[in-house]
Amino acid sequence: MNKSETIGELAAALSKFQGECQAPKKAKKSHHGTYADLGGYIETASPVLSKHELAVTQLLDNDCAGQPTVETILTHSSGEWLSSMVNIPDEANGRVTGAQKAGIGITYMRRYAYAAILGLAAEDNDGNENLISLKDENVSARIEQLKAEGHSGAQIVKSLKASNFKLSANQTREILGAE
């Protein structure tokens, strides 16, 4: 990360932005579920960024090793700025051409870098319907049975996941914390 000599005004404006900006909606579908695309992040954030005299610019470049990068720059009307640079992964995908693969990587990293520099996270509306309730009688009974059999928290989590139960990070911590 790089930044201007001072960032006090930028930080104050960013704080106000974060207090007002809504989470972008996960409106795009993929074989992995739904997600908020780059356009959704920009559409959600732009009016609130403008209100607080903030702007985000993203530039493509190469690092010293020749790897493609995306630099995301958050600027404030005071002249203060923050920037962050990330490498674009070169993931193999046999179904797309080199240019398409580059475009996918660029868009993917731009979305994550945009969200990160603004402190945004998309609303959590996917996968939750598949999460289990640890209070559900069948799940509780299964957990108690595994505990009675002497299984550790880690073994219980592994068993539940192997049985196609989806656990959130908090649920996993709750089970592991019971050890």
Foldseek 3Di string as FASTA:
>chain_A
DDKDPDCVLVVVLLVQLVVPFDAFAQDDQDPVGTGQFQVSLCVRRVVSCVVSQKDKDWDWDAPPVRFIKIKIKIAHPVGIIDIDIDGQDQDDDPVDDPVVSVVVSVRVVVSVRSCVVSVHDHDPDPPPVQADDCPPPVNVVLLVVCVVVVDALVVSVVVCVVVVHDHDPVRSCVSNVVD
